[in-house]
Structure formats: C-alpha cells, structure tokens
Amino acid sequence: DVYKRQLLEEMSDIIPINFDESAASNVALKIEEPLVSELVLGSGKFEIVEKKTEFYPNLIGKRINKVKGNFFTTLAVYQDGEFHFLPNTVIKDGATLIVLREAGKRKEMKKALKELK
C-alpha cells in the first residue's frame, strides 16, 4: 500500500521492501548472470558491501588495486558522481568503495582496511 509505505518512510529511516520487485530482480539476475548470482546470492559465501572513506581516511590517495586482502577485494570506487573501475584510480576524500568480501568477515575487513598503509 503506497500510503503505508510513505507513512513509514516519513516516520523513520525504515524503507519497506517491495518483495515483488526484489524477487523479480533476483530472478532476472539468476537467469541473466547465473555465475554472478551464485557468487553473491546463491552460495552465501560472499557479500558486496560499501565502505565510505570517511571511516577509512588512510585509504584516501591510494589506488583501488591496492585496497585488497586475503578475503576481500575492491571492485570499484564511487566518487565525483561516477563509478570508477580502473585499477589505477586514485581514491578521493568522500568516495565510497564497492568491495567483495567473504561472508562473515565484517570485523576482520574493518580491521584490515584501517591497517592498510
């Protein structure tokens, strides 16, 4: 119901999920890109997450191909209103990293990102 959705969004930070739309997206991903679907949705072994440089100022000035570890790798950086995929892209202040990591490694990745020099 549109009214209930608007009411929830206005009253809190909760954004209700439209399961019909979400399910359709997942089905489309499974049909069009079965290996990508298996990697992210099916196996449950990996997650794609966003990491903001405001929490990791030590990453500013690094190239995205240097922001990786044993259980994660940076796929792209979003900055200046665009996604950048080239490995030599320099990370700017205010950027958001798009990272593929092993599931369940949230704390370990946070520590690894903070320790990157």
N, C-alpha and C. Protein backbone atom coordinates (compact mmCIF):
# COMPACT_ATOMS: atom_id res chain seq x y z
N ASP A 1 0.84 -1.18 0.00
CA ASP A 1 0.00 0.00 0.00
C ASP A 1 0.89 1.24 0.00
N VAL A 2 0.67 2.13 -0.94
CA VAL A 2 1.51 3.32 -1.13
C VAL A 2 1.45 4.24 0.09
N TYR A 3 0.26 4.42 0.65
CA TYR A 3 0.10 5.31 1.80
C TYR A 3 0.91 4.81 3.00
N LYS A 4 0.83 3.51 3.28
CA LYS A 4 1.57 2.95 4.40
C LYS A 4 3.08 3.08 4.19
N ARG A 5 3.53 2.87 2.97
CA ARG A 5 4.95 3.00 2.65
C ARG A 5 5.43 4.43 2.90
N GLN A 6 4.67 5.41 2.41
CA GLN A 6 5.03 6.82 2.61
C GLN A 6 5.05 7.17 4.09
N LEU A 7 4.07 6.67 4.83
CA LEU A 7 3.99 6.93 6.26
C LEU A 7 5.20 6.37 6.99
N LEU A 8 5.59 5.14 6.68
CA LEU A 8 6.77 4.53 7.29
C LEU A 8 8.03 5.32 6.97
N GLU A 9 8.18 5.74 5.74
CA GLU A 9 9.37 6.49 5.33
C GLU A 9 9.43 7.84 6.02
N GLU A 10 8.30 8.48 6.22
CA GLU A 10 8.27 9.80 6.87
C GLU A 10 8.52 9.70 8.36
N MET A 11 8.07 8.61 8.98
CA MET A 11 8.17 8.48 10.43
C MET A 11 9.52 7.95 10.89
N SER A 12 10.27 7.33 10.02
CA SER A 12 11.53 6.72 10.44
C SER A 12 12.46 6.55 9.25
N ASP A 13 13.57 5.93 9.53
CA ASP A 13 14.52 5.61 8.46
C ASP A 13 14.22 4.28 7.82
N ILE A 14 13.11 3.68 8.19
CA ILE A 14 12.74 2.37 7.65
C ILE A 14 12.16 2.53 6.26
N ILE A 15 12.71 1.80 5.32
CA ILE A 15 12.16 1.78 3.96
C ILE A 15 11.68 0.36 3.71
N PRO A 16 10.37 0.17 3.63
CA PRO A 16 9.85 -1.19 3.44
C PRO A 16 10.26 -1.75 2.08
N ILE A 17 10.50 -3.03 2.06
CA ILE A 17 10.90 -3.72 0.84
C ILE A 17 9.66 -4.17 0.09
N ASN A 18 9.65 -3.93 -1.20
CA ASN A 18 8.60 -4.46 -2.05
C ASN A 18 9.09 -5.82 -2.52
N PHE A 19 8.55 -6.87 -1.92
CA PHE A 19 9.05 -8.22 -2.21
C PHE A 19 8.83 -8.64 -3.65
N ASP A 20 7.78 -8.13 -4.28
CA ASP A 20 7.55 -8.47 -5.69
C ASP A 20 8.68 -7.94 -6.56
N GLU A 21 9.09 -6.68 -6.32
CA GLU A 21 10.18 -6.09 -7.09
C GLU A 21 11.50 -6.78 -6.79
N SER A 22 11.75 -7.04 -5.51
CA SER A 22 13.00 -7.67 -5.09
C SER A 22 13.12 -9.07 -5.68
N ALA A 23 12.05 -9.82 -5.61
CA ALA A 23 12.07 -11.19 -6.16
C ALA A 23 12.29 -11.16 -7.67
N ALA A 24 11.67 -10.21 -8.34
CA ALA A 24 11.84 -10.11 -9.79
C ALA A 24 13.29 -9.80 -10.14
N SER A 25 13.92 -8.94 -9.37
CA SER A 25 15.33 -8.61 -9.61
C SER A 25 16.20 -9.83 -9.42
N ASN A 26 15.96 -10.59 -8.36
CA ASN A 26 16.76 -11.78 -8.10
C ASN A 26 16.56 -12.82 -9.20
N VAL A 27 15.35 -13.00 -9.64
CA VAL A 27 15.08 -13.95 -10.72
C VAL A 27 15.79 -13.52 -11.99
N ALA A 28 15.73 -12.22 -12.31
CA ALA A 28 16.40 -11.72 -13.51
C ALA A 28 17.90 -11.93 -13.41
N LEU A 29 18.48 -11.68 -12.24
CA LEU A 29 19.91 -11.88 -12.05
C LEU A 29 20.27 -13.35 -12.22
N LYS A 30 19.46 -14.23 -11.68
CA LYS A 30 19.74 -15.66 -11.80
C LYS A 30 19.68 -16.12 -13.25
N ILE A 31 18.76 -15.59 -14.01
CA ILE A 31 18.61 -16.00 -15.40
C ILE A 31 19.71 -15.40 -16.26
N GLU A 32 19.96 -14.10 -16.11
CA GLU A 32 20.90 -13.40 -16.98
C GLU A 32 22.36 -13.67 -16.62
N GLU A 33 22.66 -13.76 -15.35
CA GLU A 33 24.04 -13.91 -14.91
C GLU A 33 24.12 -15.00 -13.84
N PRO A 34 24.04 -16.27 -14.23
CA PRO A 34 23.98 -17.33 -13.22
C PRO A 34 25.22 -17.43 -12.32
N LEU A 35 26.39 -17.15 -12.84
CA LEU A 35 27.59 -17.24 -12.00
C LEU A 35 27.66 -16.10 -11.00
N VAL A 36 27.27 -14.89 -11.43
CA VAL A 36 27.23 -13.75 -10.52
C VAL A 36 26.20 -14.02 -9.43
N SER A 37 25.06 -14.54 -9.84
CA SER A 37 24.01 -14.88 -8.89
C SER A 37 24.52 -15.90 -7.87
N GLU A 38 25.20 -16.91 -8.34
CA GLU A 38 25.73 -17.93 -7.43
C GLU A 38 26.74 -17.33 -6.47
N LEU A 39 27.59 -16.45 -6.97
CA LEU A 39 28.62 -15.82 -6.14
C LEU A 39 28.02 -15.01 -5.01
N VAL A 40 27.04 -14.18 -5.32
CA VAL A 40 26.51 -13.23 -4.34
C VAL A 40 25.24 -13.73 -3.65
N LEU A 41 24.33 -14.34 -4.40
CA LEU A 41 23.05 -14.74 -3.84
C LEU A 41 23.00 -16.20 -3.43
N GLY A 42 23.49 -17.07 -4.28
CA GLY A 42 23.29 -18.49 -4.09
C GLY A 42 24.14 -19.13 -3.02
N SER A 43 25.43 -18.95 -3.10
CA SER A 43 26.33 -19.67 -2.21
C SER A 43 26.31 -19.11 -0.80
N GLY A 44 26.08 -17.82 -0.68
CA GLY A 44 26.14 -17.19 0.63
C GLY A 44 27.56 -17.05 1.13
N LYS A 45 28.53 -17.33 0.27
CA LYS A 45 29.94 -17.28 0.68
C LYS A 45 30.53 -15.88 0.55
N PHE A 46 29.87 -15.01 -0.22
CA PHE A 46 30.42 -13.69 -0.48
C PHE A 46 29.35 -12.61 -0.33
N GLU A 47 29.82 -11.39 -0.06
CA GLU A 47 28.95 -10.23 0.06
C GLU A 47 29.57 -9.07 -0.69
N ILE A 48 28.75 -8.22 -1.26
CA ILE A 48 29.23 -6.98 -1.84
C ILE A 48 28.77 -5.87 -0.92
N VAL A 49 29.72 -5.07 -0.44
CA VAL A 49 29.43 -4.05 0.56
C VAL A 49 30.01 -2.70 0.15
N GLU A 50 29.50 -1.65 0.76
CA GLU A 50 30.01 -0.29 0.56
C GLU A 50 30.83 0.12 1.77
N LYS A 51 31.95 0.77 1.51
CA LYS A 51 32.79 1.31 2.58
C LYS A 51 33.12 2.76 2.25
N LYS A 52 32.78 3.65 3.14
CA LYS A 52 32.98 5.08 2.93
C LYS A 52 34.35 5.51 3.46
N THR A 53 35.02 6.38 2.71
CA THR A 53 36.35 6.82 3.11
C THR A 53 36.32 7.66 4.38
N GLU A 54 35.17 8.20 4.74
CA GLU A 54 35.11 8.99 5.97
C GLU A 54 35.48 8.13 7.18
N PHE A 55 35.28 6.82 7.10
CA PHE A 55 35.64 5.91 8.19
C PHE A 55 37.03 5.32 8.00
N TYR A 56 37.60 5.51 6.82
CA TYR A 56 38.92 4.96 6.50
C TYR A 56 39.76 6.02 5.78
N PRO A 57 40.12 7.11 6.48
CA PRO A 57 40.88 8.19 5.82
C PRO A 57 42.24 7.74 5.32
N ASN A 58 42.75 6.64 5.85
CA ASN A 58 44.05 6.11 5.39
C ASN A 58 43.99 5.58 3.96
N LEU A 59 42.78 5.39 3.42
CA LEU A 59 42.64 4.90 2.04
C LEU A 59 42.68 6.02 1.01
N ILE A 60 42.48 7.25 1.45
CA ILE A 60 42.48 8.39 0.53
C ILE A 60 43.88 8.54 -0.06
N GLY A 61 43.93 8.63 -1.39
CA GLY A 61 45.20 8.75 -2.09
C GLY A 61 45.74 7.43 -2.59
N LYS A 62 45.15 6.33 -2.15
CA LYS A 62 45.59 5.01 -2.63
C LYS A 62 44.89 4.67 -3.94
N ARG A 63 45.49 3.79 -4.70
CA ARG A 63 44.87 3.27 -5.92
C ARG A 63 43.96 2.11 -5.51
N ILE A 64 42.85 1.94 -6.22
CA ILE A 64 41.89 0.91 -5.78
C ILE A 64 42.47 -0.50 -5.86
N ASN A 65 43.44 -0.74 -6.72
CA ASN A 65 44.02 -2.09 -6.80
C ASN A 65 44.91 -2.40 -5.59
N LYS A 66 45.18 -1.42 -4.75
CA LYS A 66 45.98 -1.65 -3.54
C LYS A 66 45.09 -1.91 -2.32
N VAL A 67 43.79 -1.74 -2.47
CA VAL A 67 42.86 -1.94 -1.36
C VAL A 67 42.25 -3.34 -1.50
N LYS A 68 42.98 -4.31 -0.95
CA LYS A 68 42.57 -5.71 -1.04
C LYS A 68 43.23 -6.48 0.09
N GLY A 69 42.74 -7.68 0.30
CA GLY A 69 43.29 -8.54 1.35
C GLY A 69 43.05 -9.99 1.00
N ASN A 70 43.32 -10.87 1.96
CA ASN A 70 43.16 -12.31 1.72
C ASN A 70 41.72 -12.71 1.51
N PHE A 71 40.78 -11.94 2.01
CA PHE A 71 39.36 -12.33 1.94
C PHE A 71 38.47 -11.22 1.38
N PHE A 72 39.08 -10.20 0.77
CA PHE A 72 38.30 -9.13 0.14
C PHE A 72 39.09 -8.48 -0.97
N THR A 73 38.34 -7.85 -1.89
CA THR A 73 38.95 -7.07 -2.97
C THR A 73 38.02 -5.93 -3.34
N THR A 74 38.59 -4.82 -3.73
CA THR A 74 37.79 -3.67 -4.15
C THR A 74 37.44 -3.83 -5.62
N LEU A 75 36.14 -3.75 -5.91
CA LEU A 75 35.66 -3.88 -7.28
C LEU A 75 35.61 -2.54 -8.00
N ALA A 76 35.25 -1.49 -7.25
CA ALA A 76 35.08 -0.17 -7.86
C ALA A 76 35.11 0.88 -6.76
N VAL A 77 35.18 2.12 -7.19
CA VAL A 77 35.04 3.25 -6.28
C VAL A 77 34.02 4.20 -6.89
N TYR A 78 33.15 4.73 -6.05
CA TYR A 78 32.17 5.72 -6.50
C TYR A 78 32.62 7.07 -5.96
N GLN A 79 32.93 7.97 -6.88
CA GLN A 79 33.36 9.32 -6.50
C GLN A 79 33.08 10.28 -7.64
N ASP A 80 32.91 11.52 -7.31
CA ASP A 80 32.59 12.55 -8.30
C ASP A 80 31.34 12.19 -9.10
N GLY A 81 30.40 11.46 -8.45
CA GLY A 81 29.15 11.12 -9.11
C GLY A 81 29.23 10.01 -10.12
N GLU A 82 30.34 9.27 -10.13
CA GLU A 82 30.53 8.19 -11.11
C GLU A 82 31.20 6.98 -10.47
N PHE A 83 30.98 5.82 -11.08
CA PHE A 83 31.70 4.61 -10.70
C PHE A 83 32.99 4.56 -11.50
N HIS A 84 34.07 4.17 -10.84
CA HIS A 84 35.38 4.02 -11.48
C HIS A 84 35.87 2.60 -11.22
N PHE A 85 36.28 1.91 -12.29
CA PHE A 85 36.69 0.52 -12.19
C PHE A 85 38.17 0.30 -12.49
N LEU A 86 38.83 1.28 -13.07
CA LEU A 86 40.24 1.09 -13.45
C LEU A 86 41.10 0.91 -12.20
N PRO A 87 42.00 -0.07 -12.22
CA PRO A 87 42.80 -0.38 -11.03
C PRO A 87 43.69 0.76 -10.56
N ASN A 88 44.07 1.67 -11.46
CA ASN A 88 44.95 2.77 -11.07
C ASN A 88 44.17 4.01 -10.61
N THR A 89 42.85 3.90 -10.46
CA THR A 89 42.05 5.03 -9.99
C THR A 89 42.45 5.38 -8.56
N VAL A 90 42.73 6.66 -8.33
CA VAL A 90 43.13 7.14 -7.01
C VAL A 90 41.87 7.47 -6.21
N ILE A 91 41.80 6.96 -5.00
CA ILE A 91 40.65 7.16 -4.12
C ILE A 91 40.69 8.57 -3.54
N LYS A 92 39.56 9.28 -3.66
CA LYS A 92 39.45 10.65 -3.17
C LYS A 92 38.66 10.71 -1.87
N ASP A 93 38.84 11.80 -1.16
CA ASP A 93 38.05 12.05 0.05
C ASP A 93 36.57 12.09 -0.32
N GLY A 94 35.74 11.45 0.47
CA GLY A 94 34.31 11.42 0.20
C GLY A 94 33.86 10.29 -0.70
N ALA A 95 34.80 9.44 -1.12
CA ALA A 95 34.47 8.32 -2.01
C ALA A 95 33.84 7.17 -1.24
N THR A 96 33.19 6.29 -1.99
CA THR A 96 32.65 5.05 -1.44
C THR A 96 33.23 3.88 -2.22
N LEU A 97 33.82 2.94 -1.51
CA LEU A 97 34.39 1.75 -2.14
C LEU A 97 33.32 0.68 -2.24
N ILE A 98 33.31 -0.05 -3.34
CA ILE A 98 32.43 -1.20 -3.53
C ILE A 98 33.35 -2.42 -3.41
N VAL A 99 33.12 -3.22 -2.38
CA VAL A 99 34.05 -4.28 -2.01
C VAL A 99 33.35 -5.65 -2.00
N LEU A 100 34.01 -6.65 -2.56
CA LEU A 100 33.56 -8.03 -2.49
C LEU A 100 34.35 -8.70 -1.38
N ARG A 101 33.65 -9.30 -0.41
CA ARG A 101 34.34 -9.95 0.70
C ARG A 101 33.69 -11.29 1.01
N GLU A 102 34.44 -12.13 1.70
CA GLU A 102 33.90 -13.38 2.19
C GLU A 102 32.83 -13.06 3.23
N ALA A 103 31.74 -13.79 3.19
CA ALA A 103 30.65 -13.58 4.15
C ALA A 103 31.16 -13.83 5.57
N GLY A 104 30.66 -13.02 6.47
CA GLY A 104 31.02 -13.19 7.87
C GLY A 104 32.35 -12.58 8.27
N LYS A 105 32.98 -11.84 7.38
CA LYS A 105 34.29 -11.26 7.67
C LYS A 105 34.22 -9.75 7.87
N ARG A 106 33.09 -9.26 8.35
CA ARG A 106 32.89 -7.82 8.52
C ARG A 106 33.93 -7.20 9.45
N LYS A 107 34.10 -7.77 10.63
CA LYS A 107 35.04 -7.21 11.61
C LYS A 107 36.48 -7.32 11.12
N GLU A 108 36.80 -8.46 10.51
CA GLU A 108 38.16 -8.66 10.02
C GLU A 108 38.49 -7.68 8.91
N MET A 109 37.51 -7.42 8.02
CA MET A 109 37.75 -6.47 6.94
C MET A 109 37.90 -5.06 7.48
N LYS A 110 37.08 -4.70 8.44
CA LYS A 110 37.18 -3.37 9.05
C LYS A 110 38.59 -3.15 9.60
N LYS A 111 39.08 -4.14 10.32
CA LYS A 111 40.43 -4.05 10.88
C LYS A 111 41.48 -3.97 9.78
N ALA A 112 41.36 -4.82 8.76
CA ALA A 112 42.32 -4.82 7.66
C ALA A 112 42.33 -3.49 6.91
N LEU A 113 41.16 -2.91 6.68
CA LEU A 113 41.09 -1.61 5.98
C LEU A 113 41.76 -0.52 6.80
N LYS A 114 41.53 -0.52 8.10
CA LYS A 114 42.14 0.50 8.97
C LYS A 114 43.66 0.36 9.03
N GLU A 115 44.14 -0.87 8.86
CA GLU A 115 45.59 -1.12 8.95
C GLU A 115 46.33 -0.96 7.64
N LEU A 116 45.60 -0.81 6.52
CA LEU A 116 46.27 -0.65 5.22
C LEU A 116 47.11 0.63 5.23
N LYS A 117 48.32 0.49 4.76
CA LYS A 117 49.23 1.66 4.72
C LYS A 117 49.54 2.01 3.29
